């Protein structure tokens, strides 16, 4: 990777001053031409077209061009959040991607989870949507997720991803377009279907909708471009910057656990660590009635996985995310 000088802007200013003096320009004119800031901000070029989930979008029309332009520039200069997203993806994409593939869902739909929750497994919206895929409490059970005082499987990465696949497949069978599928995940199928009818439109991108939904699909288009080549957009990461994947032992539980803190301690964990990797546990206990015959899988991290060790090689899920000298 080419070394980038830290003091690029002052050098540019010095060169500009020298060039202006050679041209015989007055000092007042020099001041007018020198920027007031110590760095430059460049607008990202909007491509002619992009593809998502096998569907191509031509970006020549004013509204499509400008909607994409807004999101790609927004992500490019939202530095700390985008860095965090790539770091988190190294831990969570290896879990999400195989489930999408197994269920016949295009890999690009993983970016829906990125936009929905910022890959925060504990994400909870003001409206009550929860988990990586932000299911609402009333919608979750329809797709096989348990939501109760003690158990909320919207916070389970694996189960919520399986539920998302069910939704996405059902919606695709209805619309035949991943664009409409994605937008319905945000607005709901009733809203998208109703507006397609009322506005006499055939394409969800043609709809007049609330700002959040209007931006939704283009946010996925933009974050996909950044993830595919972070360095192009100024995000420089090395192997050691990424969050390491955690290795687990899976423990099947079919009997009540009266005290999860004690359960964790017996396995060499803190209560906080147990909850961190099993956020679907919503109480200090787990009650399983004899009638329900429910069985839950608890993820118990290996002790080695809990620590970053000097010289340790972090497994890189996507080589495009890291830069090399």
C-alpha atoms as a PDB file:
ATOM      1  CA  UNK A   1       0.000   0.000   0.000  1.00  0.00           C
ATOM      2  CA  UNK A   2       1.322   3.458  -0.869  1.00  0.00           C
ATOM      3  CA  UNK A   3       2.324   5.527   2.152  1.00  0.00           C
ATOM      4  CA  UNK A   4       0.158   8.592   2.583  1.00  0.00           C
ATOM      5  CA  UNK A   5       1.800  11.687   4.038  1.00  0.00           C
ATOM      6  CA  UNK A   6       0.156  12.997   7.190  1.00  0.00           C
ATOM      7  CA  UNK A   7       0.734  16.626   6.310  1.00  0.00           C
ATOM      8  CA  UNK A   8      -0.548  16.494   2.748  1.00  0.00           C
ATOM      9  CA  UNK A   9      -2.638  19.660   3.054  1.00  0.00           C
ATOM     10  CA  UNK A  10       0.168  21.985   4.272  1.00  0.00           C
ATOM     11  CA  UNK A  11       2.379  20.738   1.419  1.00  0.00           C
ATOM     12  CA  UNK A  12      -0.396  21.459  -1.074  1.00  0.00           C
ATOM     13  CA  UNK A  13      -0.761  24.964   0.352  1.00  0.00           C
ATOM     14  CA  UNK A  14       2.992  25.629   0.112  1.00  0.00           C
ATOM     15  CA  UNK A  15       3.063  24.451  -3.484  1.00  0.00           C
ATOM     16  CA  UNK A  16       0.032  26.594  -4.268  1.00  0.00           C
ATOM     17  CA  UNK A  17       1.667  29.659  -2.753  1.00  0.00           C
ATOM     18  CA  UNK A  18       4.875  29.046  -4.716  1.00  0.00           C
ATOM     19  CA  UNK A  19       2.949  28.625  -7.955  1.00  0.00           C
ATOM     20  CA  UNK A  20       0.968  31.790  -7.352  1.00  0.00           C
ATOM     21  CA  UNK A  21       4.119  33.839  -6.628  1.00  0.00           C
ATOM     22  CA  UNK A  22       5.653  32.606  -9.862  1.00  0.00           C
ATOM     23  CA  UNK A  23       2.508  33.756 -11.638  1.00  0.00           C
ATOM     24  CA  UNK A  24       2.856  37.190 -10.063  1.00  0.00           C
ATOM     25  CA  UNK A  25      -0.344  37.155  -8.000  1.00  0.00           C
ATOM     26  CA  UNK A  26      -0.804  39.471  -4.985  1.00  0.00           C
ATOM     27  CA  UNK A  27      -0.823  38.200  -1.380  1.00  0.00           C
ATOM     28  CA  UNK A  28      -4.527  39.025  -0.921  1.00  0.00           C
ATOM     29  CA  UNK A  29      -5.340  36.883  -3.932  1.00  0.00           C
ATOM     30  CA  UNK A  30      -3.228  34.078  -2.431  1.00  0.00           C
ATOM     31  CA  UNK A  31      -5.282  34.166   0.779  1.00  0.00           C
ATOM     32  CA  UNK A  32      -8.494  33.853  -1.195  1.00  0.00           C
ATOM     33  CA  UNK A  33      -7.274  30.649  -2.855  1.00  0.00           C
ATOM     34  CA  UNK A  34      -5.929  28.802   0.194  1.00  0.00           C
ATOM     35  CA  UNK A  35      -8.548  26.530   1.881  1.00  0.00           C
ATOM     36  CA  UNK A  36      -9.483  27.268   5.496  1.00  0.00           C
ATOM     37  CA  UNK A  37      -9.288  23.580   6.448  1.00  0.00           C
ATOM     38  CA  UNK A  38      -6.322  21.216   6.735  1.00  0.00           C
ATOM     39  CA  UNK A  39      -7.860  18.374   4.729  1.00  0.00           C
ATOM     40  CA  UNK A  40      -9.797  17.939   1.543  1.00  0.00           C
ATOM     41  CA  UNK A  41     -13.172  16.182   1.208  1.00  0.00           C
ATOM     42  CA  UNK A  42     -13.831  14.617  -2.162  1.00  0.00           C
ATOM     43  CA  UNK A  43     -17.269  13.657  -3.441  1.00  0.00           C
ATOM     44  CA  UNK A  44     -17.514   9.983  -4.362  1.00  0.00           C
ATOM     45  CA  UNK A  45     -18.279   9.306  -8.007  1.00  0.00           C
ATOM     46  CA  UNK A  46     -21.604   7.605  -8.666  1.00  0.00           C
ATOM     47  CA  UNK A  47     -21.237   4.638 -11.050  1.00  0.00           C
ATOM     48  CA  UNK A  48     -23.416   4.225 -14.130  1.00  0.00           C
ATOM     49  CA  UNK A  49     -24.987   1.102 -12.646  1.00  0.00           C
ATOM     50  CA  UNK A  50     -24.758  -1.240  -9.674  1.00  0.00           C
ATOM     51  CA  UNK A  51     -26.031  -4.740  -8.981  1.00  0.00           C
ATOM     52  CA  UNK A  52     -27.590  -6.217  -5.871  1.00  0.00           C
ATOM     53  CA  UNK A  53     -28.759  -9.815  -5.418  1.00  0.00           C
ATOM     54  CA  UNK A  54     -28.414 -10.371  -9.157  1.00  0.00           C
ATOM     55  CA  UNK A  55     -30.574  -7.373 -10.063  1.00  0.00           C
ATOM     56  CA  UNK A  56     -29.005  -4.469 -11.942  1.00  0.00           C
ATOM     57  CA  UNK A  57     -29.907  -0.864 -11.191  1.00  0.00           C
ATOM     58  CA  UNK A  58     -29.047   1.842 -13.742  1.00  0.00           C
ATOM     59  CA  UNK A  59     -28.298   5.097 -11.942  1.00  0.00           C
ATOM     60  CA  UNK A  60     -28.667   7.616 -14.762  1.00  0.00           C
ATOM     61  CA  UNK A  61     -32.071   9.006 -13.782  1.00  0.00           C
ATOM     62  CA  UNK A  62     -31.830  12.017 -11.455  1.00  0.00           C
ATOM     63  CA  UNK A  63     -33.581  10.498  -8.435  1.00  0.00           C
ATOM     64  CA  UNK A  64     -31.787   7.133  -8.527  1.00  0.00           C
ATOM     65  CA  UNK A  65     -28.443   8.866  -9.086  1.00  0.00           C
ATOM     66  CA  UNK A  66     -28.962  11.292  -6.213  1.00  0.00           C
ATOM     67  CA  UNK A  67     -30.345   8.716  -3.776  1.00  0.00           C
ATOM     68  CA  UNK A  68     -27.283   6.533  -4.287  1.00  0.00           C
ATOM     69  CA  UNK A  69     -24.963   9.562  -4.171  1.00  0.00           C
ATOM     70  CA  UNK A  70     -26.348  10.580  -0.784  1.00  0.00           C
ATOM     71  CA  UNK A  71     -25.751   7.162   0.774  1.00  0.00           C
ATOM     72  CA  UNK A  72     -22.314   6.386  -0.664  1.00  0.00           C
ATOM     73  CA  UNK A  73     -20.995   9.768   0.462  1.00  0.00           C
ATOM     74  CA  UNK A  74     -22.699   9.368   3.825  1.00  0.00           C
ATOM     75  CA  UNK A  75     -21.019   6.040   4.531  1.00  0.00           C
ATOM     76  CA  UNK A  76     -17.653   7.158   3.147  1.00  0.00           C
ATOM     77  CA  UNK A  77     -17.428   9.976   5.654  1.00  0.00           C
ATOM     78  CA  UNK A  78     -19.102   8.199   8.565  1.00  0.00           C
ATOM     79  CA  UNK A  79     -15.672   6.946   9.538  1.00  0.00           C
ATOM     80  CA  UNK A  80     -15.997   5.447  13.007  1.00  0.00           C
ATOM     81  CA  UNK A  81     -19.257   3.610  12.342  1.00  0.00           C
ATOM     82  CA  UNK A  82     -18.144   2.039   9.062  1.00  0.00           C
ATOM     83  CA  UNK A  83     -14.881   0.862  10.621  1.00  0.00           C
ATOM     84  CA  UNK A  84     -16.913  -0.739  13.392  1.00  0.00           C
ATOM     85  CA  UNK A  85     -19.237  -2.420  10.884  1.00  0.00           C
ATOM     86  CA  UNK A  86     -16.355  -4.095   9.040  1.00  0.00           C
ATOM     87  CA  UNK A  87     -14.787  -5.204  12.311  1.00  0.00           C
ATOM     88  CA  UNK A  88     -18.064  -6.740  13.493  1.00  0.00           C
ATOM     89  CA  UNK A  89     -18.701  -8.375  10.126  1.00  0.00           C
ATOM     90  CA  UNK A  90     -15.562 -10.469  10.577  1.00  0.00           C
ATOM     91  CA  UNK A  91     -17.294 -12.131  13.531  1.00  0.00           C
ATOM     92  CA  UNK A  92     -20.887 -12.321  12.312  1.00  0.00           C
ATOM     93  CA  UNK A  93     -20.774 -12.817   8.534  1.00  0.00           C
ATOM     94  CA  UNK A  94     -19.318 -16.349   8.938  1.00  0.00           C
ATOM     95  CA  UNK A  95     -22.502 -17.200  10.867  1.00  0.00           C
ATOM     96  CA  UNK A  96     -24.988 -15.387   8.632  1.00  0.00           C
ATOM     97  CA  UNK A  97     -23.704 -16.295   5.165  1.00  0.00           C
ATOM     98  CA  UNK A  98     -24.032 -20.110   5.385  1.00  0.00           C
ATOM     99  CA  UNK A  99     -27.604 -19.792   6.654  1.00  0.00           C
ATOM    100  CA  UNK A 100     -28.559 -17.529   3.748  1.00  0.00           C
ATOM    101  CA  UNK A 101     -26.956 -19.954   1.296  1.00  0.00           C
ATOM    102  CA  UNK A 102     -28.642 -22.983   2.835  1.00  0.00           C
ATOM    103  CA  UNK A 103     -32.017 -21.284   2.470  1.00  0.00           C
ATOM    104  CA  UNK A 104     -31.473 -20.113  -1.101  1.00  0.00           C
ATOM    105  CA  UNK A 105     -31.269 -16.414  -0.235  1.00  0.00           C
ATOM    106  CA  UNK A 106     -28.785 -14.254  -2.207  1.00  0.00           C
ATOM    107  CA  UNK A 107     -25.654 -13.463  -0.234  1.00  0.00           C
ATOM    108  CA  UNK A 108     -26.170  -9.716  -0.724  1.00  0.00           C
ATOM    109  CA  UNK A 109     -29.152  -9.825   1.641  1.00  0.00           C
ATOM    110  CA  UNK A 110     -26.684  -9.979   4.543  1.00  0.00           C
ATOM    111  CA  UNK A 111     -26.322  -6.219   4.074  1.00  0.00           C
ATOM    112  CA  UNK A 112     -29.934  -5.902   5.167  1.00  0.00           C
ATOM    113  CA  UNK A 113     -28.789  -6.959   8.658  1.00  0.00           C
ATOM    114  CA  UNK A 114     -25.987  -4.390   8.479  1.00  0.00           C
ATOM    115  CA  UNK A 115     -28.449  -1.600   7.734  1.00  0.00           C
ATOM    116  CA  UNK A 116     -31.072  -2.833  10.194  1.00  0.00           C
ATOM    117  CA  UNK A 117     -28.910  -3.162  13.312  1.00  0.00           C
ATOM    118  CA  UNK A 118     -25.347  -2.031  12.553  1.00  0.00           C
ATOM    119  CA  UNK A 119     -24.525  -5.685  13.333  1.00  0.00           C
ATOM    120  CA  UNK A 120     -25.279  -5.018  16.983  1.00  0.00           C
ATOM    121  CA  UNK A 121     -26.667  -8.260  18.435  1.00  0.00           C
ATOM    122  CA  UNK A 122     -28.341  -6.331  21.256  1.00  0.00           C
ATOM    123  CA  UNK A 123     -29.914  -3.663  19.043  1.00  0.00           C
ATOM    124  CA  UNK A 124     -33.354  -2.472  20.147  1.00  0.00           C
ATOM    125  CA  UNK A 125     -35.206   0.241  18.239  1.00  0.00           C
ATOM    126  CA  UNK A 126     -37.580   2.806  19.802  1.00  0.00           C
ATOM    127  CA  UNK A 127     -40.461   0.914  18.149  1.00  0.00           C
ATOM    128  CA  UNK A 128     -39.459  -2.372  19.797  1.00  0.00           C
ATOM    129  CA  UNK A 129     -37.694  -4.099  16.881  1.00  0.00           C
ATOM    130  CA  UNK A 130     -34.862  -6.241  18.224  1.00  0.00           C
ATOM    131  CA  UNK A 131     -31.744  -8.167  17.278  1.00  0.00           C
ATOM    132  CA  UNK A 132     -29.573  -8.235  14.162  1.00  0.00           C
ATOM    133  CA  UNK A 133     -32.596  -8.474  11.875  1.00  0.00           C
ATOM    134  CA  UNK A 134     -34.835  -6.148  13.900  1.00  0.00           C
ATOM    135  CA  UNK A 135     -37.970  -8.279  14.099  1.00  0.00           C
ATOM    136  CA  UNK A 136     -40.991  -6.726  15.798  1.00  0.00           C
ATOM    137  CA  UNK A 137     -42.383  -8.678  18.774  1.00  0.00           C
ATOM    138  CA  UNK A 138     -45.661  -9.500  16.999  1.00  0.00           C
ATOM    139  CA  UNK A 139     -43.996 -10.480  13.726  1.00  0.00           C
ATOM    140  CA  UNK A 140     -41.266 -12.714  15.185  1.00  0.00           C
ATOM    141  CA  UNK A 141     -43.523 -15.652  16.239  1.00  0.00           C
ATOM    142  CA  UNK A 142     -44.981 -15.831  12.718  1.00  0.00           C
ATOM    143  CA  UNK A 143     -41.517 -16.846  11.520  1.00  0.00           C
ATOM    144  CA  UNK A 144     -40.792 -19.265  14.330  1.00  0.00           C
ATOM    145  CA  UNK A 145     -39.175 -17.078  16.975  1.00  0.00           C
ATOM    146  CA  UNK A 146     -40.165 -17.354  20.635  1.00  0.00           C
ATOM    147  CA  UNK A 147     -40.730 -14.048  22.393  1.00  0.00           C
ATOM    148  CA  UNK A 148     -41.475 -14.188  26.130  1.00  0.00           C
ATOM    149  CA  UNK A 149     -40.338 -12.655  29.407  1.00  0.00           C
ATOM    150  CA  UNK A 150     -37.458 -15.129  29.709  1.00  0.00           C
ATOM    151  CA  UNK A 151     -36.688 -15.985  26.093  1.00  0.00           C
ATOM    152  CA  UNK A 152     -36.508 -13.656  23.099  1.00  0.00           C
ATOM    153  CA  UNK A 153     -35.081 -15.450  20.093  1.00  0.00           C
ATOM    154  CA  UNK A 154     -34.955 -12.256  18.056  1.00  0.00           C
ATOM    155  CA  UNK A 155     -31.574 -11.846  19.786  1.00  0.00           C
ATOM    156  CA  UNK A 156     -30.321 -15.258  18.638  1.00  0.00           C
ATOM    157  CA  UNK A 157     -28.090 -14.756  15.605  1.00  0.00           C
ATOM    158  CA  UNK A 158     -28.728 -18.181  14.102  1.00  0.00           C
ATOM    159  CA  UNK A 159     -32.467 -18.428  14.798  1.00  0.00           C
ATOM    160  CA  UNK A 160     -33.195 -14.835  13.789  1.00  0.00           C
ATOM    161  CA  UNK A 161     -31.275 -15.326  10.533  1.00  0.00           C
ATOM    162  CA  UNK A 162     -33.299 -18.464   9.791  1.00  0.00           C
ATOM    163  CA  UNK A 163     -36.481 -16.491  10.498  1.00  0.00           C
ATOM    164  CA  UNK A 164     -35.288 -13.689   8.220  1.00  0.00           C
ATOM    165  CA  UNK A 165     -34.739 -16.239   5.447  1.00  0.00           C
ATOM    166  CA  UNK A 166     -38.337 -17.423   5.830  1.00  0.00           C
ATOM    167  CA  UNK A 167     -39.586 -13.860   5.520  1.00  0.00           C
ATOM    168  CA  UNK A 168     -37.336 -13.048   2.573  1.00  0.00           C
ATOM    169  CA  UNK A 169     -38.316 -16.185   0.652  1.00  0.00           C
ATOM    170  CA  UNK A 170     -42.024 -15.603   1.289  1.00  0.00           C
ATOM    171  CA  UNK A 171     -41.737 -11.982   0.166  1.00  0.00           C
ATOM    172  CA  UNK A 172     -39.794 -12.921  -2.965  1.00  0.00           C
ATOM    173  CA  UNK A 173     -42.439 -15.464  -3.915  1.00  0.00           C
ATOM    174  CA  UNK A 174     -44.917 -12.608  -3.661  1.00  0.00           C
ATOM    175  CA  UNK A 175     -43.000  -9.825  -5.437  1.00  0.00           C
ATOM    176  CA  UNK A 176     -40.444 -11.605  -7.624  1.00  0.00           C
ATOM    177  CA  UNK A 177     -38.023  -8.765  -6.940  1.00  0.00           C
ATOM    178  CA  UNK A 178     -35.369  -8.457  -4.230  1.00  0.00           C
ATOM    179  CA  UNK A 179     -35.825  -4.688  -4.367  1.00  0.00           C
ATOM    180  CA  UNK A 180     -39.418  -4.984  -3.187  1.00  0.00           C
ATOM    181  CA  UNK A 181     -38.422  -7.705  -0.722  1.00  0.00           C
ATOM    182  CA  UNK A 182     -35.821  -5.477   0.903  1.00  0.00           C
ATOM    183  CA  UNK A 183     -38.104  -2.456   1.070  1.00  0.00           C
ATOM    184  CA  UNK A 184     -40.930  -4.560   2.509  1.00  0.00           C
ATOM    185  CA  UNK A 185     -38.593  -5.727   5.265  1.00  0.00           C
ATOM    186  CA  UNK A 186     -38.431  -2.110   6.365  1.00  0.00           C
ATOM    187  CA  UNK A 187     -41.964  -0.901   5.659  1.00  0.00           C
ATOM    188  CA  UNK A 188     -43.953  -4.143   5.776  1.00  0.00           C
ATOM    189  CA  UNK A 189     -45.531  -6.047   2.923  1.00  0.00           C
ATOM    190  CA  UNK A 190     -48.920  -4.440   3.490  1.00  0.00           C
ATOM    191  CA  UNK A 191     -47.468  -0.963   3.007  1.00  0.00           C
ATOM    192  CA  UNK A 192     -45.428  -1.820  -0.091  1.00  0.00           C
ATOM    193  CA  UNK A 193     -48.246  -3.774  -1.726  1.00  0.00           C
ATOM    194  CA  UNK A 194     -50.780  -1.073  -0.870  1.00  0.00           C
ATOM    195  CA  UNK A 195     -48.634   1.729  -2.248  1.00  0.00           C
ATOM    196  CA  UNK A 196     -47.807  -0.176  -5.431  1.00  0.00           C
ATOM    197  CA  UNK A 197     -51.550  -0.415  -6.005  1.00  0.00           C
ATOM    198  CA  UNK A 198     -52.487   3.127  -4.962  1.00  0.00           C
ATOM    199  CA  UNK A 199     -49.647   4.771  -6.871  1.00  0.00           C
ATOM    200  CA  UNK A 200     -50.207   2.509  -9.896  1.00  0.00           C
ATOM    201  CA  UNK A 201     -46.546   1.509  -9.926  1.00  0.00           C
ATOM    202  CA  UNK A 202     -44.803  -1.721 -10.907  1.00  0.00           C
ATOM    203  CA  UNK A 203     -41.462  -0.993  -9.256  1.00  0.00           C
ATOM    204  CA  UNK A 204     -40.965  -0.273  -5.545  1.00  0.00           C
ATOM    205  CA  UNK A 205     -38.214   2.228  -6.372  1.00  0.00           C
ATOM    206  CA  UNK A 206     -40.867   4.366  -8.073  1.00  0.00           C
ATOM    207  CA  UNK A 207     -42.903   4.772  -4.874  1.00  0.00           C
ATOM    208  CA  UNK A 208     -43.324   7.931  -2.846  1.00  0.00           C
ATOM    209  CA  UNK A 209     -42.657   6.702   0.694  1.00  0.00           C
ATOM    210  CA  UNK A 210     -41.375   7.996   4.018  1.00  0.00           C
ATOM    211  CA  UNK A 211     -37.711   8.998   3.944  1.00  0.00           C
ATOM    212  CA  UNK A 212     -36.473   5.979   5.899  1.00  0.00           C
ATOM    213  CA  UNK A 213     -37.949   3.500   3.417  1.00  0.00           C
ATOM    214  CA  UNK A 214     -37.018   5.600   0.386  1.00  0.00           C
ATOM    215  CA  UNK A 215     -33.364   5.560   1.516  1.00  0.00           C
ATOM    216  CA  UNK A 216     -33.362   1.949   2.701  1.00  0.00           C
ATOM    217  CA  UNK A 217     -32.471   0.100  -0.489  1.00  0.00           C
ATOM    218  CA  UNK A 218     -29.829   2.621  -1.500  1.00  0.00           C
ATOM    219  CA  UNK A 219     -28.194   2.343   1.908  1.00  0.00           C
ATOM    220  CA  UNK A 220     -27.731  -1.366   1.196  1.00  0.00           C
ATOM    221  CA  UNK A 221     -26.375  -0.660  -2.276  1.00  0.00           C
ATOM    222  CA  UNK A 222     -23.867   1.797  -0.833  1.00  0.00           C
ATOM    223  CA  UNK A 223     -22.660  -0.245   2.138  1.00  0.00           C
ATOM    224  CA  UNK A 224     -22.148  -3.225  -0.171  1.00  0.00           C
ATOM    225  CA  UNK A 225     -19.785  -1.133  -2.309  1.00  0.00           C
ATOM    226  CA  UNK A 226     -17.828  -0.043   0.760  1.00  0.00           C
ATOM    227  CA  UNK A 227     -17.584  -3.585   2.131  1.00  0.00           C
ATOM    228  CA  UNK A 228     -16.343  -4.946  -1.193  1.00  0.00           C
ATOM    229  CA  UNK A 229     -13.415  -2.522  -1.250  1.00  0.00           C
ATOM    230  CA  UNK A 230     -12.972  -0.538   1.988  1.00  0.00           C
ATOM    231  CA  UNK A 231      -9.566   0.858   1.001  1.00  0.00           C
ATOM    232  CA  UNK A 232     -11.074   2.495  -2.091  1.00  0.00           C
ATOM    233  CA  UNK A 233     -13.238   4.582   0.228  1.00  0.00           C
ATOM    234  CA  UNK A 234     -10.420   5.388   2.648  1.00  0.00           C
ATOM    235  CA  UNK A 235     -10.960   2.668   5.252  1.00  0.00           C
ATOM    236  CA  UNK A 236      -7.612   1.073   6.053  1.00  0.00           C
ATOM    237  CA  UNK A 237      -7.690  -1.987   8.283  1.00  0.00           C
ATOM    238  CA  UNK A 238      -5.176  -4.704   9.065  1.00  0.00           C
ATOM    239  CA  UNK A 239      -5.752  -8.243  10.235  1.00  0.00           C
ATOM    240  CA  UNK A 240      -5.330  -7.298  13.897  1.00  0.00           C
ATOM    241  CA  UNK A 241      -8.000  -4.583  13.630  1.00  0.00           C
ATOM    242  CA  UNK A 242     -10.816  -7.057  12.911  1.00  0.00           C
ATOM    243  CA  UNK A 243     -12.894  -8.623  15.683  1.00  0.00           C
ATOM    244  CA  UNK A 244     -11.910 -12.246  16.082  1.00  0.00           C
ATOM    245  CA  UNK A 245     -14.543 -14.945  15.574  1.00  0.00           C
ATOM    246  CA  UNK A 246     -15.493 -16.690  18.808  1.00  0.00           C
ATOM    247  CA  UNK A 247     -15.387 -20.465  19.125  1.00  0.00           C
ATOM    248  CA  UNK A 248     -18.146 -22.125  21.140  1.00  0.00           C
ATOM    249  CA  UNK A 249     -19.160 -25.323  22.791  1.00  0.00           C
ATOM    250  CA  UNK A 250     -22.894 -25.851  22.335  1.00  0.00           C
ATOM    251  CA  UNK A 251     -24.785 -27.001  25.432  1.00  0.00           C
ATOM    252  CA  UNK A 252     -28.284 -28.405  24.976  1.00  0.00           C
ATOM    253  CA  UNK A 253     -30.586 -27.492  27.861  1.00  0.00           C
ATOM    254  CA  UNK A 254     -33.930 -29.214  28.429  1.00  0.00           C
ATOM    255  CA  UNK A 255     -34.331 -28.495  32.138  1.00  0.00           C
ATOM    256  CA  UNK A 256     -34.824 -25.222  33.987  1.00  0.00           C
ATOM    257  CA  UNK A 257     -31.833 -23.187  35.102  1.00  0.00           C
ATOM    258  CA  UNK A 258     -32.854 -21.377  38.309  1.00  0.00           C
ATOM    259  CA  UNK A 259     -29.772 -19.139  38.422  1.00  0.00           C
ATOM    260  CA  UNK A 260     -27.915 -18.284  35.234  1.00  0.00           C
ATOM    261  CA  UNK A 261     -25.082 -16.613  37.173  1.00  0.00           C
ATOM    262  CA  UNK A 262     -24.321 -19.888  38.944  1.00  0.00           C
ATOM    263  CA  UNK A 263     -24.677 -21.778  35.663  1.00  0.00           C
ATOM    264  CA  UNK A 264     -22.110 -19.471  34.067  1.00  0.00           C
ATOM    265  CA  UNK A 265     -19.682 -19.654  36.985  1.00  0.00           C
ATOM    266  CA  UNK A 266     -19.716 -23.457  36.889  1.00  0.00           C
ATOM    267  CA  UNK A 267     -18.488 -23.216  33.291  1.00  0.00           C
ATOM    268  CA  UNK A 268     -15.747 -20.702  33.914  1.00  0.00           C
ATOM    269  CA  UNK A 269     -17.711 -17.703  32.631  1.00  0.00           C
ATOM    270  CA  UNK A 270     -19.045 -14.523  34.117  1.00  0.00           C
ATOM    271  CA  UNK A 271     -22.781 -13.897  33.979  1.00  0.00           C
ATOM    272  CA  UNK A 272     -22.042 -10.998  31.602  1.00  0.00           C
ATOM    273  CA  UNK A 273     -20.150 -13.267  29.202  1.00  0.00           C
ATOM    274  CA  UNK A 274     -22.937 -15.836  29.183  1.00  0.00           C
ATOM    275  CA  UNK A 275     -25.488 -13.126  28.387  1.00  0.00           C
ATOM    276  CA  UNK A 276     -23.245 -11.485  25.798  1.00  0.00           C
ATOM    277  CA  UNK A 277     -23.195 -14.613  23.640  1.00  0.00           C
ATOM    278  CA  UNK A 278     -26.737 -15.673  24.488  1.00  0.00           C
ATOM    279  CA  UNK A 279     -28.571 -12.352  24.422  1.00  0.00           C
ATOM    280  CA  UNK A 280     -31.850 -14.171  23.850  1.00  0.00           C
ATOM    281  CA  UNK A 281     -31.817 -14.997  27.590  1.00  0.00           C
ATOM    282  CA  UNK A 282     -33.900 -12.118  28.958  1.00  0.00           C
ATOM    283  CA  UNK A 283     -34.026 -12.983  32.658  1.00  0.00           C
ATOM    284  CA  UNK A 284     -31.702 -14.251  35.385  1.00  0.00           C
ATOM    285  CA  UNK A 285     -33.231 -17.691  35.050  1.00  0.00           C
ATOM    286  CA  UNK A 286     -34.470 -20.008  32.324  1.00  0.00           C
ATOM    287  CA  UNK A 287     -37.703 -21.851  33.055  1.00  0.00           C
ATOM    288  CA  UNK A 288     -38.603 -24.929  31.026  1.00  0.00           C
ATOM    289  CA  UNK A 289     -41.896 -26.578  31.888  1.00  0.00           C
ATOM    290  CA  UNK A 290     -42.295 -30.350  31.662  1.00  0.00           C
ATOM    291  CA  UNK A 291     -45.243 -29.861  29.299  1.00  0.00           C
ATOM    292  CA  UNK A 292     -43.415 -27.646  26.817  1.00  0.00           C
ATOM    293  CA  UNK A 293     -40.566 -30.084  26.211  1.00  0.00           C
ATOM    294  CA  UNK A 294     -38.543 -27.168  24.892  1.00  0.00           C
ATOM    295  CA  UNK A 295     -34.824 -27.547  24.313  1.00  0.00           C
ATOM    296  CA  UNK A 296     -32.488 -24.554  24.064  1.00  0.00           C
ATOM    297  CA  UNK A 297     -28.912 -24.352  22.860  1.00  0.00           C
ATOM    298  CA  UNK A 298     -26.552 -22.217  24.908  1.00  0.00           C
ATOM    299  CA  UNK A 299     -23.305 -21.032  23.358  1.00  0.00           C
ATOM    300  CA  UNK A 300     -20.396 -21.419  25.770  1.00  0.00           C
ATOM    301  CA  UNK A 301     -17.274 -19.667  24.436  1.00  0.00           C
ATOM    302  CA  UNK A 302     -13.966 -21.463  24.752  1.00  0.00           C
ATOM    303  CA  UNK A 303     -11.609 -19.752  27.159  1.00  0.00           C
ATOM    304  CA  UNK A 304      -9.006 -19.186  24.418  1.00  0.00           C
ATOM    305  CA  UNK A 305     -11.556 -17.320  22.290  1.00  0.00           C
ATOM    306  CA  UNK A 306     -12.164 -14.725  24.974  1.00  0.00           C
ATOM    307  CA  UNK A 307      -8.708 -13.193  24.736  1.00  0.00           C
ATOM    308  CA  UNK A 308      -6.654 -11.351  22.163  1.00  0.00           C
ATOM    309  CA  UNK A 309      -3.105 -12.656  22.375  1.00  0.00           C
ATOM    310  CA  UNK A 310       0.016 -10.883  21.185  1.00  0.00           C
ATOM    311  CA  UNK A 311       1.119 -12.299  17.871  1.00  0.00           C
ATOM    312  CA  UNK A 312      -2.145 -14.190  17.395  1.00  0.00           C
ATOM    313  CA  UNK A 313      -3.359 -14.532  13.820  1.00  0.00           C
ATOM    314  CA  UNK A 314      -6.950 -13.306  13.596  1.00  0.00           C
ATOM    315  CA  UNK A 315      -8.920 -15.260  11.030  1.00  0.00           C
ATOM    316  CA  UNK A 316      -9.884 -12.873   8.229  1.00  0.00           C
ATOM    317  CA  UNK A 317     -13.264 -13.690   6.711  1.00  0.00           C
ATOM    318  CA  UNK A 318     -12.817 -11.509   3.624  1.00  0.00           C
ATOM    319  CA  UNK A 319      -9.321 -10.608   2.417  1.00  0.00           C
ATOM    320  CA  UNK A 320     -10.732  -7.523   0.663  1.00  0.00           C
ATOM    321  CA  UNK A 321     -11.257  -5.936   4.078  1.00  0.00           C
ATOM    322  CA  UNK A 322      -7.587  -5.663   4.952  1.00  0.00           C
ATOM    323  CA  UNK A 323      -4.778  -3.621   3.428  1.00  0.00           C
ATOM    324  CA  UNK A 324      -1.188  -4.720   3.042  1.00  0.00           C
ATOM    325  CA  UNK A 325       1.979  -2.645   3.076  1.00  0.00           C
END
